[in-house]
């Protein structure tokens, strides 16, 4: 009986997972581009969720300003 080589089996499994994850990353990027927000307005439900989380984690604190920045820009 011809046993499969463990190195080649592991390499082919690694490549299969890498290809699958690359494909899923591409799909997520395309969906993000298709469904991106057009208006530039920050969603009120997002601000409410952020405020609720801040109140739960740090009682007495509140969010005063929410800004959206582009990825890669320094603050």
PDB file of N, CA and C in Angstrom:
ATOM      1  N   UNK A   1       0.848  -1.172   0.000  1.00  0.00           N
ATOM      2  CA  UNK A   1       0.000   0.000   0.000  1.00  0.00           C
ATOM      3  C   UNK A   1       0.898   1.241   0.000  1.00  0.00           C
ATOM      4  N   UNK A   2       0.486   2.228  -0.735  1.00  0.00           N
ATOM      5  CA  UNK A   2       1.260   3.453  -0.880  1.00  0.00           C
ATOM      6  C   UNK A   2       0.753   4.493   0.122  1.00  0.00           C
ATOM      7  N   UNK A   3       1.525   4.766   1.189  1.00  0.00           N
ATOM      8  CA  UNK A   3       1.137   5.737   2.206  1.00  0.00           C
ATOM      9  C   UNK A   3       1.433   7.148   1.712  1.00  0.00           C
ATOM     10  N   UNK A   4       0.510   8.101   1.978  1.00  0.00           N
ATOM     11  CA  UNK A   4       0.773   9.488   1.566  1.00  0.00           C
ATOM     12  C   UNK A   4       1.904  10.096   2.400  1.00  0.00           C
ATOM     13  N   UNK A   5       2.666  10.926   1.776  1.00  0.00           N
ATOM     14  CA  UNK A   5       3.758  11.618   2.445  1.00  0.00           C
ATOM     15  C   UNK A   5       3.163  12.680   3.369  1.00  0.00           C
ATOM     16  N   UNK A   6       3.555  12.686   4.634  1.00  0.00           N
ATOM     17  CA  UNK A   6       2.996  13.605   5.615  1.00  0.00           C
ATOM     18  C   UNK A   6       3.298  15.058   5.262  1.00  0.00           C
ATOM     19  N   UNK A   7       4.463  15.321   4.729  1.00  0.00           N
ATOM     20  CA  UNK A   7       4.841  16.692   4.372  1.00  0.00           C
ATOM     21  C   UNK A   7       3.973  17.193   3.223  1.00  0.00           C
ATOM     22  N   UNK A   8       3.799  16.393   2.200  1.00  0.00           N
ATOM     23  CA  UNK A   8       2.984  16.840   1.065  1.00  0.00           C
ATOM     24  C   UNK A   8       1.517  16.955   1.451  1.00  0.00           C
ATOM     25  N   UNK A   9       1.047  16.077   2.318  1.00  0.00           N
ATOM     26  CA  UNK A   9      -0.333  16.154   2.787  1.00  0.00           C
ATOM     27  C   UNK A   9      -0.554  17.426   3.598  1.00  0.00           C
ATOM     28  N   UNK A  10       0.389  17.750   4.482  1.00  0.00           N
ATOM     29  CA  UNK A  10       0.276  18.968   5.284  1.00  0.00           C
ATOM     30  C   UNK A  10       0.360  20.216   4.415  1.00  0.00           C
ATOM     31  N   UNK A  11       1.258  20.201   3.432  1.00  0.00           N
ATOM     32  CA  UNK A  11       1.395  21.345   2.537  1.00  0.00           C
ATOM     33  C   UNK A  11       0.137  21.565   1.711  1.00  0.00           C
ATOM     34  N   UNK A  12      -0.450  20.489   1.209  1.00  0.00           N
ATOM     35  CA  UNK A  12      -1.663  20.649   0.414  1.00  0.00           C
ATOM     36  C   UNK A  12      -2.835  21.116   1.284  1.00  0.00           C
ATOM     37  N   UNK A  13      -2.920  20.661   2.531  1.00  0.00           N
ATOM     38  CA  UNK A  13      -3.971  21.137   3.438  1.00  0.00           C
ATOM     39  C   UNK A  13      -3.772  22.615   3.763  1.00  0.00           C
ATOM     40  N   UNK A  14      -2.524  23.010   3.996  1.00  0.00           N
ATOM     41  CA  UNK A  14      -2.220  24.415   4.272  1.00  0.00           C
ATOM     42  C   UNK A  14      -2.591  25.292   3.088  1.00  0.00           C
ATOM     43  N   UNK A  15      -2.247  24.860   1.897  1.00  0.00           N
ATOM     44  CA  UNK A  15      -2.582  25.639   0.703  1.00  0.00           C
ATOM     45  C   UNK A  15      -4.088  25.717   0.483  1.00  0.00           C
ATOM     46  N   UNK A  16      -4.796  24.638   0.765  1.00  0.00           N
ATOM     47  CA  UNK A  16      -6.253  24.658   0.620  1.00  0.00           C
ATOM     48  C   UNK A  16      -6.884  25.661   1.574  1.00  0.00           C
ATOM     49  N   UNK A  17      -6.422  25.693   2.811  1.00  0.00           N
ATOM     50  CA  UNK A  17      -6.953  26.647   3.795  1.00  0.00           C
ATOM     51  C   UNK A  17      -6.580  28.067   3.402  1.00  0.00           C
ATOM     52  N   UNK A  18      -5.361  28.273   2.937  1.00  0.00           N
ATOM     53  CA  UNK A  18      -4.926  29.597   2.511  1.00  0.00           C
ATOM     54  C   UNK A  18      -5.761  30.114   1.342  1.00  0.00           C
ATOM     55  N   UNK A  19      -6.041  29.269   0.389  1.00  0.00           N
ATOM     56  CA  UNK A  19      -6.867  29.658  -0.759  1.00  0.00           C
ATOM     57  C   UNK A  19      -8.292  29.966  -0.313  1.00  0.00           C
ATOM     58  N   UNK A  20      -8.838  29.142   0.572  1.00  0.00           N
ATOM     59  CA  UNK A  20     -10.198  29.373   1.053  1.00  0.00           C
ATOM     60  C   UNK A  20     -10.292  30.688   1.824  1.00  0.00           C
ATOM     61  N   UNK A  21      -9.339  30.952   2.701  1.00  0.00           N
ATOM     62  CA  UNK A  21      -9.374  32.199   3.466  1.00  0.00           C
ATOM     63  C   UNK A  21      -9.154  33.424   2.576  1.00  0.00           C
ATOM     64  N   UNK A  22      -8.322  33.286   1.556  1.00  0.00           N
ATOM     65  CA  UNK A  22      -8.122  34.390   0.617  1.00  0.00           C
ATOM     66  C   UNK A  22      -9.402  34.684  -0.152  1.00  0.00           C
ATOM     67  N   UNK A  23     -10.093  33.635  -0.554  1.00  0.00           N
ATOM     68  CA  UNK A  23     -11.362  33.816  -1.262  1.00  0.00           C
ATOM     69  C   UNK A  23     -12.389  34.493  -0.364  1.00  0.00           C
ATOM     70  N   UNK A  24     -12.480  34.057   0.904  1.00  0.00           N
ATOM     71  CA  UNK A  24     -13.428  34.676   1.825  1.00  0.00           C
ATOM     72  C   UNK A  24     -13.079  36.138   2.103  1.00  0.00           C
ATOM     73  N   UNK A  25     -11.801  36.462   2.197  1.00  0.00           N
ATOM     74  CA  UNK A  25     -11.386  37.851   2.394  1.00  0.00           C
ATOM     75  C   UNK A  25     -11.787  38.701   1.195  1.00  0.00           C
ATOM     76  N   UNK A  26     -11.653  38.159   0.007  1.00  0.00           N
ATOM     77  CA  UNK A  26     -12.058  38.875  -1.198  1.00  0.00           C
ATOM     78  C   UNK A  26     -13.566  39.109  -1.211  1.00  0.00           C
ATOM     79  N   UNK A  27     -14.335  38.103  -0.827  1.00  0.00           N
ATOM     80  CA  UNK A  27     -15.795  38.243  -0.779  1.00  0.00           C
ATOM     81  C   UNK A  27     -16.191  39.307   0.233  1.00  0.00           C
ATOM     82  N   UNK A  28     -15.562  39.319   1.402  1.00  0.00           N
ATOM     83  CA  UNK A  28     -15.881  40.317   2.419  1.00  0.00           C
ATOM     84  C   UNK A  28     -15.525  41.716   1.938  1.00  0.00           C
ATOM     85  N   UNK A  29     -14.395  41.847   1.247  1.00  0.00           N
ATOM     86  CA  UNK A  29     -14.003  43.156   0.713  1.00  0.00           C
ATOM     87  C   UNK A  29     -15.003  43.653  -0.328  1.00  0.00           C
ATOM     88  N   UNK A  30     -15.450  42.758  -1.201  1.00  0.00           N
ATOM     89  CA  UNK A  30     -16.435  43.131  -2.228  1.00  0.00           C
ATOM     90  C   UNK A  30     -17.756  43.526  -1.570  1.00  0.00           C
ATOM     91  N   UNK A  31     -18.208  42.747  -0.585  1.00  0.00           N
ATOM     92  CA  UNK A  31     -19.452  43.086   0.103  1.00  0.00           C
ATOM     93  C   UNK A  31     -19.332  44.412   0.849  1.00  0.00           C
ATOM     94  N   UNK A  32     -18.192  44.670   1.447  1.00  0.00           N
ATOM     95  CA  UNK A  32     -17.978  45.949   2.111  1.00  0.00           C
ATOM     96  C   UNK A  32     -18.017  47.112   1.143  1.00  0.00           C
ATOM     97  N   UNK A  33     -17.494  46.889  -0.054  1.00  0.00           N
ATOM     98  CA  UNK A  33     -17.519  47.936  -1.071  1.00  0.00           C
ATOM     99  C   UNK A  33     -18.936  48.159  -1.599  1.00  0.00           C
ATOM    100  N   UNK A  34     -19.674  47.091  -1.796  1.00  0.00           N
ATOM    101  CA  UNK A  34     -21.038  47.197  -2.328  1.00  0.00           C
ATOM    102  C   UNK A  34     -21.973  47.855  -1.328  1.00  0.00           C
ATOM    103  N   UNK A  35     -21.847  47.489  -0.054  1.00  0.00           N
ATOM    104  CA  UNK A  35     -22.786  47.974   0.950  1.00  0.00           C
ATOM    105  C   UNK A  35     -22.219  49.080   1.821  1.00  0.00           C
ATOM    106  N   UNK A  36     -21.199  49.798   1.356  1.00  0.00           N
ATOM    107  CA  UNK A  36     -20.643  50.872   2.177  1.00  0.00           C
ATOM    108  C   UNK A  36     -21.648  52.015   2.312  1.00  0.00           C
ATOM    109  N   UNK A  37     -21.488  52.755   3.391  1.00  0.00           N
ATOM    110  CA  UNK A  37     -22.396  53.862   3.675  1.00  0.00           C
ATOM    111  C   UNK A  37     -22.062  55.026   2.751  1.00  0.00           C
ATOM    112  N   UNK A  38     -23.053  55.565   2.101  1.00  0.00           N
ATOM    113  CA  UNK A  38     -22.850  56.604   1.105  1.00  0.00           C
ATOM    114  C   UNK A  38     -22.874  58.013   1.695  1.00  0.00           C
ATOM    115  N   UNK A  39     -23.631  58.233   2.741  1.00  0.00           N
ATOM    116  CA  UNK A  39     -23.897  59.590   3.202  1.00  0.00           C
ATOM    117  C   UNK A  39     -22.795  60.192   4.062  1.00  0.00           C
ATOM    118  N   UNK A  40     -21.975  59.391   4.689  1.00  0.00           N
ATOM    119  CA  UNK A  40     -20.973  59.921   5.592  1.00  0.00           C
ATOM    120  C   UNK A  40     -21.514  60.179   6.986  1.00  0.00           C
ATOM    121  N   UNK A  41     -22.794  59.951   7.207  1.00  0.00           N
ATOM    122  CA  UNK A  41     -23.403  60.114   8.524  1.00  0.00           C
ATOM    123  C   UNK A  41     -23.095  58.897   9.379  1.00  0.00           C
ATOM    124  N   UNK A  42     -22.909  59.128  10.670  1.00  0.00           N
ATOM    125  CA  UNK A  42     -22.682  58.029  11.599  1.00  0.00           C
ATOM    126  C   UNK A  42     -24.043  57.522  12.071  1.00  0.00           C
ATOM    127  N   UNK A  43     -24.210  56.222  12.062  1.00  0.00           N
ATOM    128  CA  UNK A  43     -25.469  55.576  12.389  1.00  0.00           C
ATOM    129  C   UNK A  43     -25.843  55.823  13.849  1.00  0.00           C
ATOM    130  N   UNK A  44     -27.090  56.235  14.082  1.00  0.00           N
ATOM    131  CA  UNK A  44     -27.547  56.534  15.435  1.00  0.00           C
ATOM    132  C   UNK A  44     -27.561  55.280  16.309  1.00  0.00           C
ATOM    133  N   UNK A  45     -27.877  54.132  15.729  1.00  0.00           N
ATOM    134  CA  UNK A  45     -27.888  52.901  16.524  1.00  0.00           C
ATOM    135  C   UNK A  45     -26.475  52.521  16.949  1.00  0.00           C
ATOM    136  N   UNK A  46     -25.474  52.833  16.122  1.00  0.00           N
ATOM    137  CA  UNK A  46     -24.081  52.581  16.494  1.00  0.00           C
ATOM    138  C   UNK A  46     -23.677  53.466  17.673  1.00  0.00           C
ATOM    139  N   UNK A  47     -24.058  54.723  17.643  1.00  0.00           N
ATOM    140  CA  UNK A  47     -23.736  55.640  18.747  1.00  0.00           C
ATOM    141  C   UNK A  47     -24.443  55.185  20.024  1.00  0.00           C
ATOM    142  N   UNK A  48     -25.689  54.726  19.917  1.00  0.00           N
ATOM    143  CA  UNK A  48     -26.410  54.243  21.092  1.00  0.00           C
ATOM    144  C   UNK A  48     -25.754  52.999  21.670  1.00  0.00           C
ATOM    145  N   UNK A  49     -25.297  52.102  20.804  1.00  0.00           N
ATOM    146  CA  UNK A  49     -24.616  50.893  21.272  1.00  0.00           C
ATOM    147  C   UNK A  49     -23.295  51.238  21.946  1.00  0.00           C
ATOM    148  N   UNK A  50     -22.562  52.187  21.374  1.00  0.00           N
ATOM    149  CA  UNK A  50     -21.314  52.632  21.985  1.00  0.00           C
ATOM    150  C   UNK A  50     -21.560  53.265  23.353  1.00  0.00           C
ATOM    151  N   UNK A  51     -22.582  54.098  23.431  1.00  0.00           N
ATOM    152  CA  UNK A  51     -22.907  54.765  24.697  1.00  0.00           C
ATOM    153  C   UNK A  51     -23.317  53.747  25.759  1.00  0.00           C
ATOM    154  N   UNK A  52     -24.105  52.752  25.383  1.00  0.00           N
ATOM    155  CA  UNK A  52     -24.525  51.721  26.336  1.00  0.00           C
ATOM    156  C   UNK A  52     -23.327  50.922  26.833  1.00  0.00           C
ATOM    157  N   UNK A  53     -22.400  50.628  25.941  1.00  0.00           N
ATOM    158  CA  UNK A  53     -21.205  49.885  26.331  1.00  0.00           C
ATOM    159  C   UNK A  53     -20.335  50.707  27.272  1.00  0.00           C
ATOM    160  N   UNK A  54     -20.171  51.988  26.962  1.00  0.00           N
ATOM    161  CA  UNK A  54     -19.374  52.862  27.826  1.00  0.00           C
ATOM    162  C   UNK A  54     -20.029  52.973  29.202  1.00  0.00           C
ATOM    163  N   UNK A  55     -21.338  53.121  29.255  1.00  0.00           N
ATOM    164  CA  UNK A  55     -22.037  53.228  30.541  1.00  0.00           C
ATOM    165  C   UNK A  55     -21.903  51.948  31.353  1.00  0.00           C
ATOM    166  N   UNK A  56     -21.888  50.810  30.678  1.00  0.00           N
ATOM    167  CA  UNK A  56     -21.761  49.531  31.384  1.00  0.00           C
ATOM    168  C   UNK A  56     -20.346  49.341  31.924  1.00  0.00           C
ATOM    169  N   UNK A  57     -19.352  49.699  31.123  1.00  0.00           N
ATOM    170  CA  UNK A  57     -17.971  49.479  31.516  1.00  0.00           C
ATOM    171  C   UNK A  57     -17.437  50.557  32.458  1.00  0.00           C
ATOM    172  N   UNK A  58     -17.847  51.807  32.217  1.00  0.00           N
ATOM    173  CA  UNK A  58     -17.353  52.934  33.021  1.00  0.00           C
ATOM    174  C   UNK A  58     -18.526  53.839  33.385  1.00  0.00           C
ATOM    175  N   UNK A  59     -19.251  53.506  34.461  1.00  0.00           N
ATOM    176  CA  UNK A  59     -20.419  54.318  34.838  1.00  0.00           C
ATOM    177  C   UNK A  59     -20.033  55.772  35.083  1.00  0.00           C
ATOM    178  N   UNK A  60     -20.883  56.671  34.599  1.00  0.00           N
ATOM    179  CA  UNK A  60     -20.641  58.093  34.768  1.00  0.00           C
ATOM    180  C   UNK A  60     -19.982  58.742  33.568  1.00  0.00           C
ATOM    181  N   UNK A  61     -19.349  57.946  32.711  1.00  0.00           N
ATOM    182  CA  UNK A  61     -18.720  58.487  31.510  1.00  0.00           C
ATOM    183  C   UNK A  61     -19.746  58.552  30.385  1.00  0.00           C
ATOM    184  N   UNK A  62     -19.512  59.449  29.433  1.00  0.00           N
ATOM    185  CA  UNK A  62     -20.384  59.499  28.266  1.00  0.00           C
ATOM    186  C   UNK A  62     -19.574  59.863  27.038  1.00  0.00           C
ATOM    187  N   UNK A  63     -20.100  59.510  25.892  1.00  0.00           N
ATOM    188  CA  UNK A  63     -19.446  59.818  24.620  1.00  0.00           C
ATOM    189  C   UNK A  63     -19.862  61.224  24.219  1.00  0.00           C
ATOM    190  N   UNK A  64     -18.881  62.071  23.914  1.00  0.00           N
ATOM    191  CA  UNK A  64     -19.202  63.443  23.526  1.00  0.00           C
ATOM    192  C   UNK A  64     -19.029  63.683  22.033  1.00  0.00           C
ATOM    193  N   UNK A  65     -18.139  62.904  21.373  1.00  0.00           N
ATOM    194  CA  UNK A  65     -17.929  63.119  19.947  1.00  0.00           C
ATOM    195  C   UNK A  65     -17.485  61.801  19.312  1.00  0.00           C
ATOM    196  N   UNK A  66     -18.071  61.500  18.163  1.00  0.00           N
ATOM    197  CA  UNK A  66     -17.703  60.310  17.409  1.00  0.00           C
ATOM    198  C   UNK A  66     -17.249  60.773  16.034  1.00  0.00           C
ATOM    199  N   UNK A  67     -16.029  60.404  15.660  1.00  0.00           N
ATOM    200  CA  UNK A  67     -15.491  60.780  14.355  1.00  0.00           C
ATOM    201  C   UNK A  67     -15.079  59.530  13.602  1.00  0.00           C
ATOM    202  N   UNK A  68     -15.260  59.549  12.312  1.00  0.00           N
ATOM    203  CA  UNK A  68     -14.810  58.459  11.473  1.00  0.00           C
ATOM    204  C   UNK A  68     -13.510  58.890  10.799  1.00  0.00           C
ATOM    205  N   UNK A  69     -12.511  58.039  10.854  1.00  0.00           N
ATOM    206  CA  UNK A  69     -11.236  58.324  10.198  1.00  0.00           C
ATOM    207  C   UNK A  69     -10.975  57.255   9.159  1.00  0.00           C
ATOM    208  N   UNK A  70     -10.167  57.608   8.194  1.00  0.00           N
ATOM    209  CA  UNK A  70      -9.790  56.633   7.181  1.00  0.00           C
ATOM    210  C   UNK A  70      -8.723  55.710   7.722  1.00  0.00           C
ATOM    211  N   UNK A  71      -8.715  54.496   7.224  1.00  0.00           N
ATOM    212  CA  UNK A  71      -7.722  53.519   7.655  1.00  0.00           C
ATOM    213  C   UNK A  71      -6.340  53.999   7.234  1.00  0.00           C
ATOM    214  N   UNK A  72      -5.388  53.867   8.148  1.00  0.00           N
ATOM    215  CA  UNK A  72      -4.021  54.242   7.850  1.00  0.00           C
ATOM    216  C   UNK A  72      -3.668  55.672   8.189  1.00  0.00           C
ATOM    217  N   UNK A  73      -4.661  56.489   8.522  1.00  0.00           N
ATOM    218  CA  UNK A  73      -4.357  57.868   8.885  1.00  0.00           C
ATOM    219  C   UNK A  73      -4.040  57.934  10.376  1.00  0.00           C
ATOM    220  N   UNK A  74      -3.077  58.772  10.723  1.00  0.00           N
ATOM    221  CA  UNK A  74      -2.718  58.904  12.129  1.00  0.00           C
ATOM    222  C   UNK A  74      -3.593  59.967  12.782  1.00  0.00           C
ATOM    223  N   UNK A  75      -3.874  59.759  14.061  1.00  0.00           N
ATOM    224  CA  UNK A  75      -4.734  60.705  14.792  1.00  0.00           C
ATOM    225  C   UNK A  75      -3.912  61.799  15.417  1.00  0.00           C
TER     226      UNK A  75
END
